[in-house]
Amino acid sequence: MEFMLSPAFQRHIPLKNVMYPAVDLGDELPEVFDRLIHPSKALFLEPAEVARERRSLVNVWLDAMTR
């Protein structure tokens, strides 16, 4: 897992998986990411809450993805 969080690995994430990398790449993040929508609020759920609400959270996600 440590290797997956390294900049060498994370440099490939933005354009291969079309997602933000898990670590801050600073100026190495491709410029195209400057044009993305920046959410005003990021959600973080504690692991215990995720475990408790997993079924409901997955159902909400599935509903959103099938619209």
C-alpha atoms as a PDB file:
ATOM      1  CA  MET A   1       0.000   0.000   0.000  1.00  0.00           C
ATOM      2  CA  GLU A   2       2.847   2.389   0.712  1.00  0.00           C
ATOM      3  CA  PHE A   3       3.957   2.171  -2.933  1.00  0.00           C
ATOM      4  CA  MET A   4       0.417   2.984  -4.104  1.00  0.00           C
ATOM      5  CA  LEU A   5       0.547   6.234  -2.136  1.00  0.00           C
ATOM      6  CA  SER A   6       3.902   7.228  -3.589  1.00  0.00           C
ATOM      7  CA  PRO A   7       4.032  10.142  -6.046  1.00  0.00           C
ATOM      8  CA  ALA A   8       5.537   7.782  -8.656  1.00  0.00           C
ATOM      9  CA  PHE A   9       2.378   5.660  -8.597  1.00  0.00           C
ATOM     10  CA  GLN A  10      -0.090   8.505  -8.025  1.00  0.00           C
ATOM     11  CA  ARG A  11       1.215  10.438 -11.058  1.00  0.00           C
ATOM     12  CA  HIS A  12      -0.542   7.845 -13.215  1.00  0.00           C
ATOM     13  CA  ILE A  13      -3.909   8.064 -11.438  1.00  0.00           C
ATOM     14  CA  PRO A  14      -5.308  11.410 -12.695  1.00  0.00           C
ATOM     15  CA  LEU A  15      -5.467  10.604 -16.397  1.00  0.00           C
ATOM     16  CA  LYS A  16      -5.630   6.808 -16.320  1.00  0.00           C
ATOM     17  CA  ASN A  17      -8.520   6.523 -13.840  1.00  0.00           C
ATOM     18  CA  VAL A  18      -9.867  10.064 -14.352  1.00  0.00           C
ATOM     19  CA  MET A  19      -9.876  10.820 -10.653  1.00  0.00           C
ATOM     20  CA  TYR A  20      -7.918  12.881  -8.201  1.00  0.00           C
ATOM     21  CA  PRO A  21      -4.828  11.157  -6.800  1.00  0.00           C
ATOM     22  CA  ALA A  22      -4.797  10.144  -3.133  1.00  0.00           C
ATOM     23  CA  VAL A  23      -1.759  12.334  -2.447  1.00  0.00           C
ATOM     24  CA  ASP A  24      -1.102  15.980  -3.264  1.00  0.00           C
ATOM     25  CA  LEU A  25       0.960  16.105  -6.467  1.00  0.00           C
ATOM     26  CA  GLY A  26       1.222  19.880  -6.374  1.00  0.00           C
ATOM     27  CA  ASP A  27       2.261  21.297  -9.747  1.00  0.00           C
ATOM     28  CA  GLU A  28       2.436  17.797 -11.253  1.00  0.00           C
ATOM     29  CA  LEU A  29      -1.364  17.481 -11.351  1.00  0.00           C
ATOM     30  CA  PRO A  30      -2.399  17.839 -15.021  1.00  0.00           C
ATOM     31  CA  GLU A  31      -3.766  21.284 -15.958  1.00  0.00           C
ATOM     32  CA  VAL A  32      -7.067  19.793 -17.132  1.00  0.00           C
ATOM     33  CA  PHE A  33      -7.994  19.341 -13.457  1.00  0.00           C
ATOM     34  CA  ASP A  34      -8.172  23.144 -13.114  1.00  0.00           C
ATOM     35  CA  ARG A  35     -11.382  23.041 -15.177  1.00  0.00           C
ATOM     36  CA  LEU A  36     -13.229  20.595 -12.935  1.00  0.00           C
ATOM     37  CA  ILE A  37     -15.999  21.569 -10.567  1.00  0.00           C
ATOM     38  CA  HIS A  38     -14.676  22.007  -7.031  1.00  0.00           C
ATOM     39  CA  PRO A  39     -17.227  20.833  -4.460  1.00  0.00           C
ATOM     40  CA  SER A  40     -17.950  23.326  -1.715  1.00  0.00           C
ATOM     41  CA  LYS A  41     -18.198  20.517   0.809  1.00  0.00           C
ATOM     42  CA  ALA A  42     -16.362  17.183   0.981  1.00  0.00           C
ATOM     43  CA  LEU A  43     -17.941  14.417   3.011  1.00  0.00           C
ATOM     44  CA  PHE A  44     -15.964  12.235   5.388  1.00  0.00           C
ATOM     45  CA  LEU A  45     -17.608   9.390   7.235  1.00  0.00           C
ATOM     46  CA  GLU A  46     -16.029   7.568  10.135  1.00  0.00           C
ATOM     47  CA  PRO A  47     -15.401   3.860   9.432  1.00  0.00           C
ATOM     48  CA  ALA A  48     -17.901   2.786  12.116  1.00  0.00           C
ATOM     49  CA  GLU A  49     -20.617   4.925  10.510  1.00  0.00           C
ATOM     50  CA  VAL A  50     -19.845   3.450   7.087  1.00  0.00           C
ATOM     51  CA  ALA A  51     -20.111  -0.066   8.501  1.00  0.00           C
ATOM     52  CA  ARG A  52     -23.449   0.791  10.128  1.00  0.00           C
ATOM     53  CA  GLU A  53     -24.904   2.512   7.061  1.00  0.00           C
ATOM     54  CA  ARG A  54     -23.241   0.530   4.256  1.00  0.00           C
ATOM     55  CA  ARG A  55     -26.403  -0.976   2.754  1.00  0.00           C
ATOM     56  CA  SER A  56     -28.251   2.343   2.729  1.00  0.00           C
ATOM     57  CA  LEU A  57     -25.246   4.219   1.302  1.00  0.00           C
ATOM     58  CA  VAL A  58     -24.789   1.680  -1.502  1.00  0.00           C
ATOM     59  CA  ASN A  59     -28.499   1.840  -2.342  1.00  0.00           C
ATOM     60  CA  VAL A  60     -28.369   5.654  -2.587  1.00  0.00           C
ATOM     61  CA  TRP A  61     -25.298   5.406  -4.830  1.00  0.00           C
ATOM     62  CA  LEU A  62     -26.915   2.746  -7.043  1.00  0.00           C
ATOM     63  CA  ASP A  63     -30.033   4.862  -7.375  1.00  0.00           C
ATOM     64  CA  ALA A  64     -27.988   7.909  -8.399  1.00  0.00           C
ATOM     65  CA  MET A  65     -25.932   5.921 -10.917  1.00  0.00           C
ATOM     66  CA  THR A  66     -28.935   4.411 -12.677  1.00  0.00           C
ATOM     67  CA  ARG A  67     -30.726   7.667 -13.439  1.00  0.00           C
END
